[in-house]
């Protein structure tokens, strides 16, 4: 039902684009998605056949919280007796953890990696699949600028949350604590070979994590759509992602066992990933990096902190495209959309002011300075230091 409804909505949106040529602002663009995608309840059970195609010595990557859960035992069984478990991924994976995982892969003579979890496990595994072959440390590729070559192990991504969309992107967000850097690294190697998106794996996600990851998915959809690098195919997926979040997130928060809501959110996260992976994110994500790095906010919560504020900030630059974005979410205009996001944040119990996470007046200048990651330039309206300072002061 969701698949049919999504297709219908995409066709309707494309017709709207065709009637309003101003909504398509790039006449030359490219689209690429090399990840094979399997979506639906029960798709995890295809893992034995998948592993047989890619290798015989799998390494399963997850975090300590998931390691003791039944789903991890089930997946290990599906991978067969030659599989080993690496369960040391932290909420914000570091370059050091990538190195540990790469060493584990080499020690096991691993030939295929399966990442089970949220974006942290997927991102750590993406980087390790290259570092294990090319040699480390991971820092030299992440924060020291050494280019990766094309050698890497195949990765099968099995998300257990509905948020990051990392299962279909060539991006890994990593921390380098020694250098005080939290930043994404992108490479074609990082596209998973296969994404297995089984909404049933999200049924046990706690309400707070459901909220954080859901707002992350919404941020991806919105930013993929308004990025200066947007293009029509990604636009369609981004808009559908936004629509699905507003349709299903509240229901998933109210009842975590609602498989229809969970399926809708899994699809929203997947489409959000597809919607931003080529255009890339913008100001919301640029600001999320120091909020996570310095103030230890979970990534989705850090994105949610500024999301409604940037919807208002960008509204004057979006024109008809802004109206199309708001209507996809069920609102008349972008200011109404911003109000809807603020209500979602409140419903989810996420922080809505900077003071709640430890930011004080005398921290604002440093926060502004550290927010100017290169993706800030993708924002549809120019963000100056003075403009960002004013936005942050509003959020105090």
Protein backbone atom coordinates (compact mmCIF):
# COMPACT_ATOMS: atom_id res chain seq x y z
CA UNK A 1 0.00 0.00 0.00
CA UNK A 2 2.79 2.42 0.93
CA UNK A 3 4.69 1.57 -2.23
CA UNK A 4 1.64 2.26 -4.42
CA UNK A 5 0.78 5.46 -2.58
CA UNK A 6 4.36 6.71 -2.80
CA UNK A 7 4.48 6.08 -6.54
CA UNK A 8 1.20 7.94 -7.02
CA UNK A 9 2.44 10.91 -5.03
CA UNK A 10 5.72 10.99 -6.95
CA UNK A 11 3.85 11.04 -10.26
CA UNK A 12 1.60 13.85 -9.01
CA UNK A 13 4.61 15.84 -7.85
CA UNK A 14 6.34 15.36 -11.19
CA UNK A 15 3.23 16.67 -12.96
CA UNK A 16 3.35 19.74 -10.72
CA UNK A 17 7.01 20.23 -11.58
CA UNK A 18 6.18 19.99 -15.26
CA UNK A 19 3.49 22.67 -14.95
CA UNK A 20 5.80 24.99 -13.05
CA UNK A 21 9.12 25.05 -14.87
CA UNK A 22 10.54 27.46 -12.29
CA UNK A 23 10.59 24.58 -9.81
CA UNK A 24 13.31 22.94 -11.89
CA UNK A 25 16.26 25.29 -11.58
CA UNK A 26 18.97 23.03 -13.03
CA UNK A 27 18.70 22.02 -16.69
CA UNK A 28 21.85 19.88 -16.53
CA UNK A 29 22.21 17.29 -13.81
CA UNK A 30 23.24 13.72 -13.12
CA UNK A 31 21.79 10.94 -10.99
CA UNK A 32 23.65 7.90 -9.68
CA UNK A 33 22.67 5.24 -7.16
CA UNK A 34 24.79 2.07 -7.29
CA UNK A 35 23.37 0.50 -4.11
CA UNK A 36 20.99 -2.42 -4.63
CA UNK A 37 17.99 -1.91 -2.33
CA UNK A 38 15.74 -4.57 -0.80
CA UNK A 39 12.85 -3.13 1.18
CA UNK A 40 10.15 -4.79 3.23
CA UNK A 41 9.25 -6.72 6.36
CA UNK A 42 11.30 -9.91 6.53
CA UNK A 43 13.96 -8.94 3.97
CA UNK A 44 16.70 -9.62 6.54
CA UNK A 45 16.00 -13.32 6.07
CA UNK A 46 17.57 -13.15 2.59
CA UNK A 47 21.01 -12.60 4.16
CA UNK A 48 22.26 -16.21 3.73
CA UNK A 49 21.81 -16.05 -0.04
CA UNK A 50 23.36 -12.58 -0.14
CA UNK A 51 26.45 -13.59 1.83
CA UNK A 52 27.01 -16.57 -0.45
CA UNK A 53 27.36 -14.16 -3.38
CA UNK A 54 29.86 -11.81 -1.74
CA UNK A 55 32.05 -13.93 0.48
CA UNK A 56 32.35 -16.61 3.12
CA UNK A 57 33.92 -14.82 6.09
CA UNK A 58 31.55 -12.04 7.15
CA UNK A 59 32.16 -9.49 9.89
CA UNK A 60 29.01 -8.19 11.58
CA UNK A 61 29.36 -4.61 12.84
CA UNK A 62 27.07 -3.10 15.47
CA UNK A 63 27.08 -1.23 18.79
CA UNK A 64 27.16 -2.51 22.36
CA UNK A 65 23.47 -1.77 22.91
CA UNK A 66 22.37 -3.92 20.00
CA UNK A 67 24.93 -6.68 20.64
CA UNK A 68 22.81 -8.29 23.36
CA UNK A 69 19.51 -8.03 21.49
CA UNK A 70 17.73 -10.91 19.80
CA UNK A 71 17.96 -9.31 16.36
CA UNK A 72 21.76 -9.40 16.48
CA UNK A 73 21.79 -13.08 17.43
CA UNK A 74 19.35 -13.76 14.61
CA UNK A 75 21.50 -11.94 12.07
CA UNK A 76 24.66 -13.72 13.28
CA UNK A 77 22.88 -17.04 12.79
CA UNK A 78 21.79 -15.99 9.31
CA UNK A 79 25.39 -15.10 8.43
CA UNK A 80 26.63 -18.57 9.31
CA UNK A 81 29.28 -20.09 11.60
CA UNK A 82 32.20 -18.25 9.98
CA UNK A 83 30.81 -14.83 10.98
CA UNK A 84 32.31 -12.80 13.82
CA UNK A 85 30.87 -9.85 15.73
CA UNK A 86 32.42 -6.41 16.23
CA UNK A 87 30.26 -4.46 18.71
CA UNK A 88 32.42 -1.49 19.68
CA UNK A 89 30.83 1.29 17.62
CA UNK A 90 29.98 4.32 19.75
CA UNK A 91 27.11 6.80 19.12
CA UNK A 92 29.47 9.20 17.33
CA UNK A 93 32.02 6.85 15.73
CA UNK A 94 35.64 7.92 15.86
CA UNK A 95 38.54 7.40 13.50
CA UNK A 96 40.07 5.21 16.22
CA UNK A 97 37.09 2.86 16.15
CA UNK A 98 37.37 2.65 12.37
CA UNK A 99 40.98 1.55 12.86
CA UNK A 100 39.93 -1.11 15.41
CA UNK A 101 37.29 -2.44 13.05
CA UNK A 102 39.71 -2.48 10.11
CA UNK A 103 42.18 -4.47 12.22
CA UNK A 104 39.43 -6.93 13.19
CA UNK A 105 38.47 -7.39 9.54
CA UNK A 106 42.06 -8.08 8.55
CA UNK A 107 42.62 -10.45 11.48
CA UNK A 108 39.53 -12.45 10.54
CA UNK A 109 40.44 -12.41 6.84
CA UNK A 110 36.98 -10.94 6.38
CA UNK A 111 35.73 -10.70 2.81
CA UNK A 112 32.34 -9.05 3.37
CA UNK A 113 31.06 -6.68 6.06
CA UNK A 114 27.49 -6.45 7.35
CA UNK A 115 26.57 -3.32 9.30
CA UNK A 116 23.56 -3.68 11.61
CA UNK A 117 22.34 -0.59 13.44
CA UNK A 118 21.89 3.13 13.03
CA UNK A 119 24.01 5.57 11.10
CA UNK A 120 26.95 5.22 13.48
CA UNK A 121 27.48 1.53 12.77
CA UNK A 122 26.89 1.99 9.05
CA UNK A 123 29.28 4.95 8.79
CA UNK A 124 32.02 3.22 10.79
CA UNK A 125 31.73 0.14 8.58
CA UNK A 126 31.82 2.20 5.38
CA UNK A 127 35.16 3.72 6.28
CA UNK A 128 36.61 0.46 7.64
CA UNK A 129 35.79 -1.40 4.43
CA UNK A 130 38.32 0.85 2.68
CA UNK A 131 40.84 1.28 5.51
CA UNK A 132 41.06 -2.51 6.00
CA UNK A 133 42.35 -2.87 2.44
CA UNK A 134 44.28 0.38 1.96
CA UNK A 135 45.84 0.64 5.40
CA UNK A 136 45.42 3.18 8.14
CA UNK A 137 45.18 5.16 10.16
CA UNK A 138 41.69 6.34 9.23
CA UNK A 139 42.64 9.85 10.34
CA UNK A 140 44.81 10.40 7.28
CA UNK A 141 41.78 10.01 5.00
CA UNK A 142 39.33 11.84 7.26
CA UNK A 143 41.06 14.88 8.76
CA UNK A 144 44.40 14.92 6.96
CA UNK A 145 43.09 14.92 3.41
CA UNK A 146 44.81 11.84 1.90
CA UNK A 147 42.74 10.51 -0.99
CA UNK A 148 41.32 7.00 -0.88
CA UNK A 149 41.73 4.80 -3.93
CA UNK A 150 39.01 2.47 -5.23
CA UNK A 151 39.90 -0.64 -3.20
CA UNK A 152 37.33 -1.71 -0.61
CA UNK A 153 35.39 -4.67 0.74
CA UNK A 154 31.69 -5.10 -0.08
CA UNK A 155 29.33 -3.73 2.56
CA UNK A 156 25.77 -4.87 3.27
CA UNK A 157 23.88 -2.20 5.23
CA UNK A 158 21.01 -3.30 7.49
CA UNK A 159 19.56 -0.25 9.26
CA UNK A 160 17.71 -0.71 12.54
CA UNK A 161 16.60 2.92 12.83
CA UNK A 162 14.62 5.14 10.48
CA UNK A 163 16.66 8.28 10.12
CA UNK A 164 20.10 8.55 8.61
CA UNK A 165 19.54 7.01 5.18
CA UNK A 166 23.20 5.99 5.43
CA UNK A 167 22.33 2.68 3.79
CA UNK A 168 22.21 4.43 0.39
CA UNK A 169 24.75 7.26 0.70
CA UNK A 170 28.50 7.50 -0.04
CA UNK A 171 29.05 9.51 3.16
CA UNK A 172 30.41 8.64 6.60
CA UNK A 173 30.36 11.12 9.48
CA UNK A 174 33.28 10.52 11.85
CA UNK A 175 34.83 12.15 14.92
CA UNK A 176 38.52 12.83 15.38
CA UNK A 177 38.62 13.69 19.11
CA UNK A 178 42.34 14.42 19.15
CA UNK A 179 41.93 17.12 16.52
CA UNK A 180 38.49 18.23 17.71
CA UNK A 181 36.94 17.53 14.32
CA UNK A 182 33.54 16.02 13.54
CA UNK A 183 32.96 15.97 9.80
CA UNK A 184 31.72 13.86 6.91
CA UNK A 185 33.98 12.06 4.49
CA UNK A 186 32.57 11.04 1.12
CA UNK A 187 33.81 8.53 -1.43
CA UNK A 188 32.22 6.23 -3.98
CA UNK A 189 33.70 3.30 -2.00
CA UNK A 190 31.23 4.10 0.76
CA UNK A 191 28.12 3.20 -1.22
CA UNK A 192 26.97 -0.10 0.32
CA UNK A 193 26.77 -2.93 -2.16
CA UNK A 194 23.34 -3.79 -0.82
CA UNK A 195 20.85 -2.14 1.54
CA UNK A 196 18.45 -4.45 3.31
CA UNK A 197 15.73 -2.25 4.82
CA UNK A 198 13.49 -4.35 7.05
CA UNK A 199 11.04 -2.15 9.01
CA UNK A 200 10.49 -4.97 11.51
CA UNK A 201 13.97 -4.29 12.87
CA UNK A 202 12.83 -0.82 14.01
CA UNK A 203 9.96 -2.06 16.20
CA UNK A 204 12.08 -2.08 19.37
CA UNK A 205 13.61 1.36 18.88
CA UNK A 206 12.89 3.48 21.99
CA UNK A 207 10.64 6.50 21.62
CA UNK A 208 13.46 9.01 22.13
CA UNK A 209 15.61 7.42 19.42
CA UNK A 210 12.57 7.21 17.14
CA UNK A 211 12.18 10.97 17.57
CA UNK A 212 15.84 11.81 17.00
CA UNK A 213 16.19 9.63 13.91
CA UNK A 214 12.84 10.76 12.53
CA UNK A 215 13.86 14.42 12.69
CA UNK A 216 17.16 13.48 11.03
CA UNK A 217 15.21 11.92 8.15
CA UNK A 218 13.11 15.07 7.89
CA UNK A 219 16.26 17.21 7.82
CA UNK A 220 17.66 15.10 4.97
CA UNK A 221 14.50 15.44 2.94
CA UNK A 222 14.27 19.20 3.43
CA UNK A 223 17.95 19.92 2.86
CA UNK A 224 18.26 17.60 -0.12
CA UNK A 225 15.37 19.52 -1.65
CA UNK A 226 16.61 23.05 -0.98
CA UNK A 227 20.34 22.41 -1.54
CA UNK A 228 21.77 24.58 -4.32
CA UNK A 229 22.79 21.30 -5.99
CA UNK A 230 19.27 19.87 -6.07
CA UNK A 231 18.03 18.03 -9.14
CA UNK A 232 14.65 16.64 -10.23
CA UNK A 233 14.99 12.96 -9.31
CA UNK A 234 16.35 13.75 -5.85
CA UNK A 235 13.70 16.46 -5.47
CA UNK A 236 10.95 13.88 -5.89
CA UNK A 237 12.41 11.52 -3.32
CA UNK A 238 13.12 14.35 -0.89
CA UNK A 239 9.55 15.67 -1.08
CA UNK A 240 8.11 12.19 -0.59
CA UNK A 241 10.39 11.69 2.41
CA UNK A 242 9.07 14.91 3.97
CA UNK A 243 5.47 13.84 3.33
CA UNK A 244 6.03 10.43 4.91
CA UNK A 245 7.63 11.87 8.05
CA UNK A 246 4.68 14.15 8.71
CA UNK A 247 2.30 11.28 8.03
CA UNK A 248 3.97 8.60 10.15
CA UNK A 249 6.34 9.99 12.81
CA UNK A 250 3.66 10.97 15.33
CA UNK A 251 2.07 7.52 15.02
CA UNK A 252 5.43 5.81 15.53
CA UNK A 253 6.06 7.96 18.62
CA UNK A 254 2.64 7.11 20.02
CA UNK A 255 2.90 3.38 19.39
CA UNK A 256 6.29 1.88 18.61
CA UNK A 257 4.74 -1.44 17.60
CA UNK A 258 2.69 0.15 14.80
CA UNK A 259 4.25 -1.64 11.83
CA UNK A 260 2.51 0.62 9.31
CA UNK A 261 4.03 3.72 10.93
CA UNK A 262 7.42 2.00 11.23
CA UNK A 263 7.31 1.00 7.57
CA UNK A 264 6.39 4.53 6.58
CA UNK A 265 9.30 5.94 8.58
CA UNK A 266 11.75 3.36 7.16
CA UNK A 267 10.70 4.44 3.70
CA UNK A 268 10.99 8.12 4.69
CA UNK A 269 14.55 7.56 5.90
CA UNK A 270 15.50 5.63 2.77
CA UNK A 271 14.06 8.27 0.46
CA UNK A 272 15.64 11.04 2.52
CA UNK A 273 19.02 9.39 2.02
CA UNK A 274 18.40 9.06 -1.70
CA UNK A 275 17.19 12.66 -1.79
CA UNK A 276 20.29 14.24 -0.27
CA UNK A 277 23.13 11.89 -1.24
CA UNK A 278 23.91 13.76 -4.47
CA UNK A 279 22.75 17.36 -3.68
CA UNK A 280 24.32 17.14 -0.19
CA UNK A 281 23.06 18.88 2.94
CA UNK A 282 23.30 22.55 3.83
CA UNK A 283 23.14 24.92 6.81
CA UNK A 284 21.20 22.64 9.18
CA UNK A 285 23.81 19.91 8.98
CA UNK A 286 26.71 22.37 9.01
CA UNK A 287 25.44 23.69 12.34
CA UNK A 288 24.83 20.18 13.66
CA UNK A 289 28.55 19.31 13.65
CA UNK A 290 29.68 21.67 16.46
CA UNK A 291 26.46 21.01 18.39
CA UNK A 292 27.31 17.29 18.37
CA UNK A 293 31.06 17.68 18.78
CA UNK A 294 31.15 20.34 21.49
CA UNK A 295 27.79 19.88 23.24
CA UNK A 296 27.40 16.13 22.67
CA UNK A 297 23.96 16.36 21.10
CA UNK A 298 22.82 13.27 19.16
CA UNK A 299 23.06 14.02 15.46
CA UNK A 300 19.32 14.05 14.74
CA UNK A 301 18.61 16.25 17.75
CA UNK A 302 21.37 18.64 16.65
CA UNK A 303 19.75 18.90 13.22
CA UNK A 304 16.31 19.40 14.73
CA UNK A 305 17.63 22.26 16.90
CA UNK A 306 18.04 24.58 13.90
CA UNK A 307 15.69 23.01 11.34
CA UNK A 308 12.55 25.10 11.90
CA UNK A 309 14.67 28.26 12.21
CA UNK A 310 16.32 27.67 8.84
CA UNK A 311 12.93 26.91 7.26
CA UNK A 312 11.89 30.44 8.24
CA UNK A 313 15.28 31.90 7.27
CA UNK A 314 15.19 30.31 3.80
CA UNK A 315 11.52 31.01 3.08
CA UNK A 316 12.17 34.33 1.33
CA UNK A 317 14.60 32.66 -1.09
CA UNK A 318 12.52 29.62 -2.04
CA UNK A 319 9.57 31.05 -3.98
CA UNK A 320 7.39 28.39 -5.64
CA UNK A 321 9.79 25.67 -4.58
CA UNK A 322 9.17 26.62 -0.96
CA UNK A 323 5.43 26.35 -1.46
CA UNK A 324 5.87 22.90 -3.03
CA UNK A 325 7.99 21.81 -0.05
CA UNK A 326 5.44 23.04 2.47
CA UNK A 327 2.55 21.43 0.62
CA UNK A 328 4.36 18.08 0.49
CA UNK A 329 4.33 18.21 4.30
CA UNK A 330 0.67 19.26 4.36
CA UNK A 331 1.11 22.99 5.00
CA UNK A 332 0.21 26.10 3.03
CA UNK A 333 3.61 27.81 3.27
CA UNK A 334 7.07 27.59 4.78
CA UNK A 335 6.24 29.49 7.96
CA UNK A 336 3.46 26.99 8.62
CA UNK A 337 5.95 24.21 7.92
CA UNK A 338 8.33 25.73 10.47
CA UNK A 339 5.50 25.77 13.03
CA UNK A 340 4.80 22.11 12.25
CA UNK A 341 8.44 21.18 12.81
CA UNK A 342 8.48 23.07 16.11
CA UNK A 343 5.38 21.14 17.19
CA UNK A 344 7.01 17.83 16.21
CA UNK A 345 10.08 18.70 18.28
CA UNK A 346 7.92 19.54 21.29
CA UNK A 347 5.85 16.37 20.86
CA UNK A 348 9.04 14.33 20.67
CA UNK A 349 10.49 15.93 23.78
CA UNK A 350 13.62 17.19 22.02
CA UNK A 351 15.45 20.31 23.24
CA UNK A 352 14.26 23.48 21.57
CA UNK A 353 16.67 26.05 23.06
CA UNK A 354 20.45 26.16 23.07
CA UNK A 355 20.56 26.77 26.82
CA UNK A 356 19.01 23.33 27.33
CA UNK A 357 22.15 21.72 25.89
CA UNK A 358 24.65 23.95 27.70
CA UNK A 359 25.19 26.84 25.28
CA UNK A 360 25.61 30.24 26.97
CA UNK A 361 25.75 33.76 25.59
CA UNK A 362 29.54 33.78 25.62
CA UNK A 363 29.65 30.55 23.55
CA UNK A 364 27.81 32.02 20.55
CA UNK A 365 30.80 33.47 18.69
CA UNK A 366 32.69 30.18 18.92
CA UNK A 367 29.60 28.26 17.82
CA UNK A 368 29.18 30.54 14.82
CA UNK A 369 32.81 30.11 13.82
CA UNK A 370 32.68 26.32 14.07
CA UNK A 371 29.44 26.08 12.10
CA UNK A 372 30.95 27.18 8.79
CA UNK A 373 31.56 23.77 7.29
CA UNK A 374 31.79 23.85 3.44
CA UNK A 375 28.24 22.48 3.08
CA UNK A 376 26.99 25.80 4.49
CA UNK A 377 27.50 27.07 0.95
CA UNK A 378 24.73 24.75 -0.30
CA UNK A 379 22.09 26.75 1.54
CA UNK A 380 19.60 28.48 -0.80
CA UNK A 381 20.03 31.78 1.05
CA UNK A 382 23.49 33.04 1.95
CA UNK A 383 24.33 32.54 5.60
CA UNK A 384 26.69 35.22 6.90
CA UNK A 385 28.32 35.09 10.34
CA UNK A 386 26.10 37.97 11.47
CA UNK A 387 22.95 36.22 10.22
CA UNK A 388 23.90 32.97 11.93
CA UNK A 389 24.76 34.79 15.16
CA UNK A 390 21.28 36.35 15.11
CA UNK A 391 19.68 32.93 14.54
CA UNK A 392 21.62 31.37 17.40
CA UNK A 393 20.68 34.23 19.73
CA UNK A 394 17.03 33.56 18.88
CA UNK A 395 17.52 29.94 19.91
CA UNK A 396 19.00 30.73 23.32
